[in-house]
Amino acid sequence: MSETGKATKDLSDLSFEEAMGSLEQIVAKLESGNASLEQSIDLYTRGTQLKAHCEAKLKDAQAKIEKITLDDAGSPQGTAPFEVE
């Protein structure tokens, strides 16, 4: 199995930070211009997968965020789902 194929299989196991680190390395390799055409295509493909993985992680984190609700006196009374205003 190629390194790219192995890396794709393990994508779901990556944390957000690990995926971002890998994505930054890919961008650096592509920007250097030292990769062959085939390698560049593989790197680009992996980069798009990592981007989608990071976006999914962020969406999941946003869904878990809750805001603290306050009563009329300003005291915490509970939580409610976070909504972007």
C-alpha atoms as a PDB file:
ATOM      1  CA  MET A   1       0.000   0.000   0.000  1.00  0.00           C
ATOM      2  CA  SER A   2       1.332   3.434  -0.883  1.00  0.00           C
ATOM      3  CA  GLU A   3       1.996   6.039   1.786  1.00  0.00           C
ATOM      4  CA  THR A   4      -0.902   8.121   0.456  1.00  0.00           C
ATOM      5  CA  GLY A   5      -3.239   5.107   0.564  1.00  0.00           C
ATOM      6  CA  LYS A   6      -2.204   4.298   4.137  1.00  0.00           C
ATOM      7  CA  ALA A   7      -2.604   7.937   5.158  1.00  0.00           C
ATOM      8  CA  THR A   8      -6.103   8.059   3.635  1.00  0.00           C
ATOM      9  CA  LYS A   9      -7.140   4.965   5.589  1.00  0.00           C
ATOM     10  CA  ASP A  10      -6.020   6.575   8.864  1.00  0.00           C
ATOM     11  CA  LEU A  11      -7.731   9.927   8.185  1.00  0.00           C
ATOM     12  CA  SER A  12     -10.638   9.309  10.579  1.00  0.00           C
ATOM     13  CA  ASP A  13      -8.176   8.690  13.405  1.00  0.00           C
ATOM     14  CA  LEU A  14      -6.514  12.110  13.058  1.00  0.00           C
ATOM     15  CA  SER A  15      -7.256  14.887  15.504  1.00  0.00           C
ATOM     16  CA  PHE A  16      -7.957  18.351  14.135  1.00  0.00           C
ATOM     17  CA  GLU A  17      -4.457  19.487  15.090  1.00  0.00           C
ATOM     18  CA  GLU A  18      -2.788  16.494  13.426  1.00  0.00           C
ATOM     19  CA  ALA A  19      -4.804  16.994  10.251  1.00  0.00           C
ATOM     20  CA  MET A  20      -3.953  20.701  10.148  1.00  0.00           C
ATOM     21  CA  GLY A  21      -0.264  19.901  10.627  1.00  0.00           C
ATOM     22  CA  SER A  22      -0.360  17.429   7.755  1.00  0.00           C
ATOM     23  CA  LEU A  23      -2.205  19.931   5.590  1.00  0.00           C
ATOM     24  CA  GLU A  24       0.418  22.601   6.321  1.00  0.00           C
ATOM     25  CA  GLN A  25       3.187  20.160   5.325  1.00  0.00           C
ATOM     26  CA  ILE A  26       1.397  19.377   2.071  1.00  0.00           C
ATOM     27  CA  VAL A  27       1.000  23.067   1.253  1.00  0.00           C
ATOM     28  CA  ALA A  28       4.704  23.637   1.925  1.00  0.00           C
ATOM     29  CA  LYS A  29       5.682  20.726  -0.363  1.00  0.00           C
ATOM     30  CA  LEU A  30       3.418  21.953  -3.146  1.00  0.00           C
ATOM     31  CA  GLU A  31       4.654  25.527  -2.817  1.00  0.00           C
ATOM     32  CA  SER A  32       8.297  24.403  -2.951  1.00  0.00           C
ATOM     33  CA  GLY A  33       7.813  23.104  -6.474  1.00  0.00           C
ATOM     34  CA  ASN A  34      10.042  20.100  -5.765  1.00  0.00           C
ATOM     35  CA  ALA A  35       7.333  17.450  -6.203  1.00  0.00           C
ATOM     36  CA  SER A  36       6.820  15.545  -9.443  1.00  0.00           C
ATOM     37  CA  LEU A  37       3.509  15.932 -11.259  1.00  0.00           C
ATOM     38  CA  GLU A  38       2.222  12.579  -9.977  1.00  0.00           C
ATOM     39  CA  GLN A  39       3.333  13.353  -6.436  1.00  0.00           C
ATOM     40  CA  SER A  40       1.729  16.806  -6.660  1.00  0.00           C
ATOM     41  CA  ILE A  41      -1.572  15.252  -7.694  1.00  0.00           C
ATOM     42  CA  ASP A  42      -1.380  12.780  -4.789  1.00  0.00           C
ATOM     43  CA  LEU A  43      -0.530  15.605  -2.384  1.00  0.00           C
ATOM     44  CA  TYR A  44      -3.387  17.752  -3.685  1.00  0.00           C
ATOM     45  CA  THR A  45      -5.831  14.844  -3.318  1.00  0.00           C
ATOM     46  CA  ARG A  46      -4.664  14.201   0.235  1.00  0.00           C
ATOM     47  CA  GLY A  47      -4.906  17.918   0.981  1.00  0.00           C
ATOM     48  CA  THR A  48      -8.532  18.066  -0.097  1.00  0.00           C
ATOM     49  CA  GLN A  49      -9.295  15.061   2.112  1.00  0.00           C
ATOM     50  CA  LEU A  50      -7.576  16.689   5.075  1.00  0.00           C
ATOM     51  CA  LYS A  51      -9.449  19.950   4.450  1.00  0.00           C
ATOM     52  CA  ALA A  52     -12.786  18.112   4.458  1.00  0.00           C
ATOM     53  CA  HIS A  53     -11.780  16.260   7.637  1.00  0.00           C
ATOM     54  CA  CYS A  54     -10.875  19.531   9.378  1.00  0.00           C
ATOM     55  CA  GLU A  55     -14.136  21.150   8.285  1.00  0.00           C
ATOM     56  CA  ALA A  56     -16.103  18.175   9.647  1.00  0.00           C
ATOM     57  CA  LYS A  57     -14.233  18.372  12.965  1.00  0.00           C
ATOM     58  CA  LEU A  58     -14.981  22.103  13.232  1.00  0.00           C
ATOM     59  CA  LYS A  59     -18.653  21.558  12.399  1.00  0.00           C
ATOM     60  CA  ASP A  60     -18.859  18.842  15.040  1.00  0.00           C
ATOM     61  CA  ALA A  61     -17.200  21.093  17.626  1.00  0.00           C
ATOM     62  CA  GLN A  62     -19.571  23.952  16.815  1.00  0.00           C
ATOM     63  CA  ALA A  63     -22.553  21.641  17.291  1.00  0.00           C
ATOM     64  CA  LYS A  64     -21.294  20.797  20.778  1.00  0.00           C
ATOM     65  CA  ILE A  65     -20.830  24.384  21.893  1.00  0.00           C
ATOM     66  CA  GLU A  66     -23.461  25.608  24.268  1.00  0.00           C
ATOM     67  CA  LYS A  67     -24.087  29.044  25.570  1.00  0.00           C
ATOM     68  CA  ILE A  68     -24.944  29.785  29.164  1.00  0.00           C
ATOM     69  CA  THR A  69     -28.378  31.276  29.577  1.00  0.00           C
ATOM     70  CA  LEU A  70     -29.075  33.863  32.271  1.00  0.00           C
ATOM     71  CA  ASP A  71     -32.219  34.691  34.171  1.00  0.00           C
ATOM     72  CA  ASP A  72     -33.564  38.240  34.575  1.00  0.00           C
ATOM     73  CA  ALA A  73     -31.232  38.831  37.525  1.00  0.00           C
ATOM     74  CA  GLY A  74     -28.202  37.834  35.450  1.00  0.00           C
ATOM     75  CA  SER A  75     -27.634  34.533  37.236  1.00  0.00           C
ATOM     76  CA  PRO A  76     -26.838  31.403  35.230  1.00  0.00           C
ATOM     77  CA  GLN A  77     -29.926  29.264  34.782  1.00  0.00           C
ATOM     78  CA  GLY A  78     -28.814  26.653  32.268  1.00  0.00           C
ATOM     79  CA  THR A  79     -27.490  26.175  28.785  1.00  0.00           C
ATOM     80  CA  ALA A  80     -28.896  26.409  25.264  1.00  0.00           C
ATOM     81  CA  PRO A  81     -27.518  25.351  21.876  1.00  0.00           C
ATOM     82  CA  PHE A  82     -25.109  27.820  20.355  1.00  0.00           C
ATOM     83  CA  GLU A  83     -26.563  29.777  17.448  1.00  0.00           C
ATOM     84  CA  VAL A  84     -24.528  32.055  15.236  1.00  0.00           C
ATOM     85  CA  GLU A  85     -26.141  35.456  15.183  1.00  0.00           C
END
